[in-house]
Amino acid sequence: MQRAEAALSCSLGVRVHLARVTEPLSPSVLSPGEAVQCCARRPGQPRRDWLLGRAALRAVIGDGDDTSDLSFPSPTLSLTHAGGIAVAVRTDEVVGGIGVDFEPRRPGTDPRIARFFLNETERAAATGPAALLRLWTIKEALYKATPDNGSYVLADLELADPCEAHGDAVGRRGETLRYAAIDALGGHLAVAVCGGA
C-alpha cells in the first residue's frame, strides 16, 4: 500500500495514509461502544462487512483504538469495502473532507447506469466498462469527501476533466475537490479531498 499512498498523495497534494484488510475484526476485541454497534447490524454479511471496516479503520488510526465515536463524512477518515476487501484512508492535514472508494473489476457493467451519476461530458469519457467503473469510484470518493452530503447525488459532483485519473471537481454548492484514482487491489481505488466551498 506504500506505493499507492505515495501515488495518491502526490496527485492529491495532500499526504494520505491507507490501510487494506481482508479479515474482519474479531468481535472479542471490540470496545463496549463498538460491540453495541456491531449487534445493531444484521447477522451474516452486513455484520461481517462492518467488522471488516472496523479492522481497516483500526489499522489506519491505530490498532486497539475505539472507533465507536466516528461518524462520516469526516474531515480526516473515510472507509470503503467491496469484494472482501476494506480500505480506510486517513489524512493528518487540514482539509474539509476526505473520501475513498474501491470497486473490484467485474465484467458486464451496464453502460446505461452512467446517466444516473455522470453528466453528458462525463458520459462521453466512459468509453467502456473499465472507464465507467473508474468514474464510479471517483464519484463515490468525491461524494464521501463532501461535507454535509446528505442531500447530494453523485451527479451533483462535476469533474473538470473526466478523462483524467486525477484532477479537480466541484460540488453543486461550490465545494472545491481534488481526486486521484489508480488501478489497485484487482480493481479501481479512488481518494478525494474537499478544500471547502
Protein backbone atom coordinates (compact mmCIF):
# COMPACT_ATOMS: atom_id res chain seq x y z
CA MET A 1 0.00 0.00 0.00
CA GLN A 2 3.02 2.31 0.33
CA ARG A 3 3.23 2.80 -3.43
CA ALA A 4 -0.49 3.51 -3.62
CA GLU A 5 -0.18 6.00 -0.74
CA ALA A 6 2.70 7.78 -2.47
CA ALA A 7 0.95 7.96 -5.85
CA LEU A 8 -2.33 9.18 -4.39
CA SER A 9 -0.64 11.69 -2.07
CA CYS A 10 1.37 13.13 -4.95
CA SER A 11 -1.69 13.52 -7.18
CA LEU A 12 -3.85 14.99 -4.40
CA GLY A 13 -1.21 17.33 -2.97
CA VAL A 14 -2.24 16.01 0.45
CA ARG A 15 -0.50 13.25 2.40
CA VAL A 16 -2.80 10.26 2.85
CA HIS A 17 -2.38 7.00 4.75
CA LEU A 18 -4.11 3.83 3.55
CA ALA A 19 -4.91 0.54 5.23
CA ARG A 20 -6.24 -2.50 3.38
CA VAL A 21 -7.64 -5.53 5.19
CA THR A 22 -9.20 -8.79 4.10
CA GLU A 23 -10.03 -10.23 7.53
CA PRO A 24 -12.77 -8.80 9.76
CA LEU A 25 -12.05 -7.64 13.28
CA SER A 26 -12.75 -10.29 15.89
CA PRO A 27 -15.83 -9.44 17.97
CA SER A 28 -13.79 -10.35 21.06
CA VAL A 29 -11.64 -7.20 20.71
CA LEU A 30 -14.47 -4.70 20.24
CA SER A 31 -14.84 -1.83 22.67
CA PRO A 32 -18.18 -1.66 24.53
CA GLY A 33 -19.42 1.02 22.09
CA GLU A 34 -18.30 -0.99 19.08
CA ALA A 35 -20.00 -4.12 20.47
CA VAL A 36 -23.32 -2.26 20.65
CA GLN A 37 -22.88 -1.01 17.08
CA CYS A 38 -21.94 -4.48 15.88
CA CYS A 39 -25.01 -6.08 17.45
CA ALA A 40 -27.19 -3.49 15.70
CA ARG A 41 -26.08 -4.93 12.34
CA ARG A 42 -27.93 -7.85 10.79
CA PRO A 43 -26.07 -11.15 11.27
CA GLY A 44 -24.25 -12.51 8.25
CA GLN A 45 -22.72 -10.35 5.52
CA PRO A 46 -23.80 -6.93 6.90
CA ARG A 47 -22.15 -7.66 10.25
CA ARG A 48 -19.07 -9.16 8.57
CA ASP A 49 -18.70 -6.09 6.34
CA TRP A 50 -18.98 -3.82 9.38
CA LEU A 51 -16.27 -5.82 11.20
CA LEU A 52 -14.10 -5.69 8.06
CA GLY A 53 -14.48 -1.91 8.00
CA ARG A 54 -13.62 -1.63 11.71
CA ALA A 55 -10.44 -3.64 11.07
CA ALA A 56 -9.44 -1.21 8.30
CA LEU A 57 -10.23 1.83 10.46
CA ARG A 58 -8.21 0.48 13.37
CA ALA A 59 -5.33 -0.30 11.03
CA VAL A 60 -5.22 3.28 9.72
CA ILE A 61 -5.76 5.11 13.04
CA GLY A 62 -4.02 2.72 15.43
CA ASP A 63 -4.76 -0.84 16.41
CA GLY A 64 -6.91 -1.05 19.52
CA ASP A 65 -8.36 2.44 19.10
CA ASP A 66 -12.09 2.66 19.73
CA THR A 67 -13.96 3.53 16.53
CA SER A 68 -17.44 3.81 18.03
CA ASP A 69 -17.46 7.61 18.10
CA LEU A 70 -16.51 8.02 14.42
CA SER A 71 -19.02 9.49 12.00
CA PHE A 72 -18.94 10.04 8.27
CA PRO A 73 -18.39 12.15 6.26
CA SER A 74 -15.26 13.08 8.16
CA PRO A 75 -12.50 15.63 7.58
CA THR A 76 -9.84 13.04 8.44
CA LEU A 77 -11.12 9.50 7.74
CA SER A 78 -13.05 7.53 5.14
CA LEU A 79 -13.87 3.89 4.56
CA THR A 80 -14.92 1.59 1.74
CA HIS A 81 -15.44 -2.14 1.36
CA ALA A 82 -16.18 -4.32 -1.64
CA GLY A 83 -15.21 -7.74 -2.88
CA GLY A 84 -13.99 -8.94 0.52
CA ILE A 85 -11.58 -6.00 0.89
CA ALA A 86 -11.90 -2.95 3.14
CA VAL A 87 -9.79 0.16 2.64
CA ALA A 88 -9.58 3.04 5.09
CA VAL A 89 -7.86 6.35 4.38
CA ARG A 90 -6.65 9.00 6.82
CA THR A 91 -5.07 12.38 6.47
CA ASP A 92 -3.49 14.47 9.19
CA GLU A 93 -3.62 17.59 7.03
CA VAL A 94 -6.36 20.20 7.27
CA VAL A 95 -8.98 19.52 4.59
CA GLY A 96 -12.73 19.93 4.53
CA GLY A 97 -13.28 16.21 4.00
CA ILE A 98 -11.74 13.03 2.66
CA GLY A 99 -13.33 10.14 0.79
CA VAL A 100 -12.27 6.74 -0.53
CA ASP A 101 -13.92 4.18 -2.78
CA PHE A 102 -12.81 0.81 -4.10
CA GLU A 103 -14.56 -1.36 -6.66
CA PRO A 104 -13.20 -4.70 -7.91
CA ARG A 105 -13.11 -5.21 -11.66
CA ARG A 106 -16.17 -7.02 -12.91
CA PRO A 107 -17.43 -7.88 -16.35
CA GLY A 108 -20.68 -6.68 -17.74
CA THR A 109 -21.07 -3.23 -16.20
CA ASP A 110 -24.18 -1.89 -17.90
CA PRO A 111 -23.33 1.45 -19.60
CA ARG A 112 -26.94 2.62 -19.17
CA ILE A 113 -26.27 3.28 -15.47
CA ALA A 114 -23.96 6.18 -16.45
CA ARG A 115 -26.93 8.54 -16.86
CA PHE A 116 -27.61 8.26 -13.13
CA PHE A 117 -24.25 9.59 -11.95
CA LEU A 118 -22.46 11.24 -14.90
CA ASN A 119 -23.23 14.41 -16.83
CA GLU A 120 -23.10 14.43 -20.64
CA THR A 121 -19.38 15.30 -20.84
CA GLU A 122 -18.53 12.65 -18.25
CA ARG A 123 -20.60 10.02 -20.09
CA ALA A 124 -18.57 10.70 -23.25
CA ALA A 125 -15.42 9.78 -21.27
CA ALA A 126 -16.93 6.47 -20.13
CA THR A 127 -15.54 4.56 -23.11
CA GLY A 128 -16.06 1.04 -21.84
CA PRO A 129 -16.64 -0.90 -18.63
CA ALA A 130 -13.23 -0.08 -17.09
CA ALA A 131 -13.64 3.67 -17.64
CA LEU A 132 -17.19 3.56 -16.31
CA LEU A 133 -16.09 1.74 -13.16
CA ARG A 134 -13.19 4.20 -12.68
CA LEU A 135 -15.61 7.14 -12.93
CA TRP A 136 -17.97 5.45 -10.46
CA THR A 137 -15.19 5.09 -7.86
CA ILE A 138 -14.13 8.71 -8.39
CA LYS A 139 -17.69 9.98 -7.93
CA GLU A 140 -18.17 7.85 -4.80
CA ALA A 141 -14.91 9.15 -3.29
CA LEU A 142 -15.91 12.74 -4.11
CA TYR A 143 -19.32 12.21 -2.50
CA LYS A 144 -17.75 10.84 0.68
CA ALA A 145 -15.30 13.78 0.80
CA THR A 146 -18.09 16.36 0.55
CA PRO A 147 -19.15 17.66 3.98
CA ASP A 148 -22.90 17.72 4.56
CA ASN A 149 -23.52 15.47 1.56
CA GLY A 150 -26.88 14.15 2.77
CA SER A 151 -28.91 15.83 0.03
CA TYR A 152 -26.37 15.15 -2.72
CA VAL A 153 -26.42 12.59 -5.51
CA LEU A 154 -23.30 11.60 -7.44
CA ALA A 155 -24.35 13.68 -10.45
CA ASP A 156 -24.08 16.81 -8.24
CA LEU A 157 -20.27 16.46 -8.38
CA GLU A 158 -18.75 17.60 -11.67
CA LEU A 159 -15.30 16.54 -12.88
CA ALA A 160 -13.20 19.18 -14.64
CA ASP A 161 -11.70 16.55 -16.97
CA PRO A 162 -13.34 13.12 -16.70
CA CYS A 163 -10.71 11.56 -18.99
CA GLU A 164 -8.01 12.11 -16.34
CA ALA A 165 -7.29 9.71 -13.49
CA HIS A 166 -6.66 12.68 -11.19
CA GLY A 167 -7.89 16.22 -11.19
CA ASP A 168 -10.37 18.73 -9.86
CA ALA A 169 -14.10 18.61 -9.28
CA VAL A 170 -16.76 20.93 -7.95
CA GLY A 171 -19.89 20.28 -5.90
CA ARG A 172 -23.26 21.86 -6.52
CA ARG A 173 -22.77 24.30 -3.62
CA GLY A 174 -19.37 25.34 -4.98
CA GLU A 175 -17.23 22.91 -2.97
CA THR A 176 -13.77 22.53 -4.48
CA LEU A 177 -12.50 18.98 -4.55
CA ARG A 178 -9.48 17.08 -5.85
CA TYR A 179 -9.40 13.38 -6.68
CA ALA A 180 -6.93 10.68 -7.68
CA ALA A 181 -7.71 7.18 -8.95
CA ILE A 182 -5.39 4.24 -9.50
CA ASP A 183 -5.66 0.61 -10.54
CA ALA A 184 -5.01 -1.38 -7.37
CA LEU A 185 -6.11 -4.47 -5.47
CA GLY A 186 -7.63 -6.01 -8.59
CA GLY A 187 -9.89 -3.04 -9.22
CA HIS A 188 -10.14 0.73 -9.06
CA LEU A 189 -9.24 2.77 -5.97
CA ALA A 190 -10.07 6.47 -5.71
CA VAL A 191 -9.40 9.03 -2.97
CA ALA A 192 -10.76 12.56 -2.88
CA VAL A 193 -10.31 15.59 -0.64
CA CYS A 194 -12.50 18.65 -0.25
CA GLY A 195 -10.88 22.06 0.04
CA GLY A 196 -14.08 23.85 1.03
CA ALA A 197 -16.82 25.94 -0.51
